[in-house]
Amino acid sequence: MSRKMLLILMVAAASLAAGAASAQTTFLRHPLGIRAGVTSWDRISQFHFGVHSDWGELAPNLALVPGVEMGVGDDFTIVTFNGDLLYRSTELVSRPWEMYGGGSLSFNIVDGPGSGSTTDLGVSGIAGLNRYLSNGHTMLMEVRLGIIDSPDLKVTLGYSLF
């Protein structure tokens, strides 16, 4: 991975954490979480990991959850900045479970062998399931399907830290 990509990833993670910390006193549910999973994009298979921040509801059941992920494998490094807009269903399931769906506008930086670094603006569809735990944290399982210039499939598990 190039130093430029590592620097971009570190700045994004620090900005996300700072934004979550400063807004924690207002409307955040679980401001910061970690995530990891597998990615399939064309002929590339990867393991990805990253962080997300739940910025709370913009309207009833509609939440903004930005995040950053880094995928490694098959001699490629992919850094993705996600802007997820999620609808949390309160009709289909009840606590401690929560279903959600929505979309993501992402900025993807792909660094591969011999191809240099390329960037794409992508769109994905999202479906997921949250499980609220007795300790106040949340676990998630999520599936993303690429629509435009995004990974074909991402399966992710996550856990809120705060």
Protein backbone atom coordinates (compact mmCIF):
# COMPACT_ATOMS: atom_id res chain seq x y z
CA MET A 1 0.00 0.00 0.00
CA SER A 2 1.32 3.42 -0.87
CA ARG A 3 2.06 6.04 1.76
CA LYS A 4 -0.50 8.35 0.14
CA MET A 5 -3.31 5.82 0.64
CA LEU A 6 -2.25 5.12 4.23
CA LEU A 7 -2.25 8.85 4.97
CA ILE A 8 -5.73 9.26 3.43
CA LEU A 9 -7.05 6.36 5.52
CA MET A 10 -5.55 7.71 8.75
CA VAL A 11 -6.91 11.24 8.17
CA ALA A 12 -10.38 9.88 7.37
CA ALA A 13 -10.46 7.66 10.45
CA ALA A 14 -9.29 10.52 12.69
CA SER A 15 -11.88 12.89 11.21
CA LEU A 16 -14.64 10.33 11.66
CA ALA A 17 -13.66 9.71 15.28
CA ALA A 18 -13.39 13.44 16.03
CA GLY A 19 -16.78 14.13 14.47
CA ALA A 20 -18.37 11.32 16.46
CA ALA A 21 -16.79 12.49 19.70
CA SER A 22 -17.88 16.11 19.27
CA ALA A 23 -21.46 15.18 18.35
CA GLN A 24 -21.85 12.47 20.99
CA THR A 25 -23.67 14.79 23.35
CA THR A 26 -26.41 15.62 20.84
CA PHE A 27 -28.19 12.80 19.02
CA LEU A 28 -25.84 9.89 18.41
CA ARG A 29 -27.01 6.40 19.32
CA HIS A 30 -23.72 4.49 19.09
CA PRO A 31 -21.23 6.94 17.70
CA LEU A 32 -18.38 4.65 16.71
CA GLY A 33 -18.12 1.03 15.63
CA ILE A 34 -15.75 -1.39 13.93
CA ARG A 35 -16.52 -3.63 10.97
CA ALA A 36 -14.89 -6.38 8.94
CA GLY A 37 -15.87 -8.83 6.23
CA VAL A 38 -15.30 -10.10 2.72
CA THR A 39 -15.49 -8.24 -0.60
CA SER A 40 -15.92 -9.50 -4.16
CA TRP A 41 -15.34 -7.09 -7.05
CA ASP A 42 -14.84 -8.42 -10.59
CA ARG A 43 -11.96 -10.89 -10.20
CA ILE A 44 -10.80 -9.43 -6.86
CA SER A 45 -11.56 -11.18 -3.56
CA GLN A 46 -10.59 -9.33 -0.39
CA PHE A 47 -10.86 -9.06 3.35
CA HIS A 48 -12.02 -5.59 4.43
CA PHE A 49 -12.01 -3.81 7.79
CA GLY A 50 -12.91 -0.33 8.94
CA VAL A 51 -14.94 1.97 11.17
CA HIS A 52 -18.40 3.52 10.98
CA SER A 53 -20.18 6.24 12.90
CA ASP A 54 -23.92 6.42 13.55
CA TRP A 55 -24.81 10.10 13.27
CA GLY A 56 -28.39 9.52 14.32
CA GLU A 57 -31.74 10.07 12.68
CA LEU A 58 -32.26 12.76 10.06
CA ALA A 59 -35.99 11.98 10.09
CA PRO A 60 -38.00 9.24 11.82
CA ASN A 61 -36.26 5.90 11.11
CA LEU A 62 -33.87 7.49 8.56
CA ALA A 63 -30.22 7.55 9.70
CA LEU A 64 -26.89 8.74 8.34
CA VAL A 65 -24.02 6.29 8.98
CA PRO A 66 -20.73 7.28 7.30
CA GLY A 67 -17.70 5.02 7.41
CA VAL A 68 -14.35 4.16 5.96
CA GLU A 69 -13.11 0.67 5.01
CA MET A 70 -9.91 -0.77 3.65
CA GLY A 71 -9.83 -3.96 1.60
CA VAL A 72 -6.70 -6.05 1.11
CA GLY A 73 -6.07 -9.13 -1.02
CA ASP A 74 -5.32 -10.30 -4.57
CA ASP A 75 -2.48 -7.72 -4.79
CA PHE A 76 -5.00 -4.86 -4.58
CA THR A 77 -5.71 -2.32 -1.86
CA ILE A 78 -9.11 -0.64 -1.91
CA VAL A 79 -10.02 2.24 0.41
CA THR A 80 -13.71 3.14 0.49
CA PHE A 81 -15.37 6.17 2.08
CA ASN A 82 -19.08 5.37 2.54
CA GLY A 83 -21.97 7.74 3.07
CA ASP A 84 -24.77 5.36 4.07
CA LEU A 85 -28.38 6.50 4.28
CA LEU A 86 -30.37 3.81 6.12
CA TYR A 87 -34.05 3.25 6.81
CA ARG A 88 -34.46 1.36 10.10
CA SER A 89 -37.62 -0.72 10.10
CA THR A 90 -39.63 -0.72 13.29
CA GLU A 91 -42.59 -2.57 11.75
CA LEU A 92 -41.13 -5.94 10.76
CA VAL A 93 -39.15 -6.87 13.89
CA SER A 94 -38.98 -5.79 17.52
CA ARG A 95 -36.17 -5.19 19.96
CA PRO A 96 -33.57 -6.48 20.48
CA TRP A 97 -33.57 -6.90 16.66
CA GLU A 98 -33.68 -4.19 14.03
CA MET A 99 -33.73 -4.56 10.23
CA TYR A 100 -32.47 -1.83 7.94
CA GLY A 101 -32.02 -1.11 4.28
CA GLY A 102 -30.84 1.77 2.20
CA GLY A 103 -28.12 3.00 -0.07
CA SER A 104 -24.60 4.28 -0.05
CA LEU A 105 -22.72 6.84 -2.08
CA SER A 106 -19.05 5.89 -1.86
CA PHE A 107 -15.67 7.17 -2.93
CA ASN A 108 -13.45 4.19 -3.86
CA ILE A 109 -9.68 4.40 -4.21
CA VAL A 110 -8.24 1.30 -5.92
CA ASP A 111 -4.49 0.62 -5.92
CA GLY A 112 -3.41 -2.45 -7.87
CA PRO A 113 -0.31 -3.98 -9.42
CA GLY A 114 0.83 -2.16 -12.54
CA SER A 115 -2.37 -0.13 -12.78
CA GLY A 116 -1.51 2.67 -10.41
CA SER A 117 -4.23 4.23 -8.33
CA THR A 118 -7.74 4.94 -9.65
CA THR A 119 -10.76 6.53 -8.00
CA ASP A 120 -14.46 5.91 -8.57
CA LEU A 121 -17.65 7.38 -7.21
CA GLY A 122 -19.94 4.43 -6.53
CA VAL A 123 -23.48 3.56 -5.50
CA SER A 124 -24.52 0.47 -3.50
CA GLY A 125 -27.69 -1.00 -2.06
CA ILE A 126 -27.61 -2.13 1.59
CA ALA A 127 -29.62 -4.60 3.69
CA GLY A 128 -28.74 -5.42 7.29
CA LEU A 129 -29.74 -6.62 10.70
CA ASN A 130 -28.80 -5.08 14.07
CA ARG A 131 -28.89 -6.89 17.41
CA TYR A 132 -28.99 -4.71 20.50
CA LEU A 133 -27.02 -6.27 23.35
CA SER A 134 -27.68 -6.00 27.08
CA ASN A 135 -24.42 -4.05 27.55
CA GLY A 136 -25.77 -1.20 25.37
CA HIS A 137 -23.68 -2.09 22.34
CA THR A 138 -24.93 -3.24 18.95
CA MET A 139 -23.83 -6.03 16.62
CA LEU A 140 -24.59 -5.87 12.91
CA MET A 141 -24.63 -8.11 9.86
CA GLU A 142 -24.81 -6.34 6.53
CA VAL A 143 -24.88 -7.14 2.81
CA ARG A 144 -24.03 -4.57 0.14
CA LEU A 145 -24.67 -5.02 -3.56
CA GLY A 146 -22.81 -2.77 -5.97
CA ILE A 147 -24.96 -0.82 -8.41
CA ILE A 148 -22.49 1.61 -10.03
CA ASP A 149 -18.67 1.44 -9.73
CA SER A 150 -18.76 -0.35 -6.36
CA PRO A 151 -17.83 -3.84 -5.19
CA ASP A 152 -20.26 -6.45 -6.53
CA LEU A 153 -20.80 -7.95 -3.06
CA LYS A 154 -19.73 -7.08 0.47
CA VAL A 155 -20.67 -9.13 3.53
CA THR A 156 -19.81 -7.36 6.79
CA LEU A 157 -20.03 -7.99 10.53
CA GLY A 158 -19.72 -5.08 12.94
CA TYR A 159 -19.79 -4.07 16.58
CA SER A 160 -20.42 -0.69 18.22
CA LEU A 161 -17.69 0.39 20.64
CA PHE A 162 -19.46 3.23 22.47
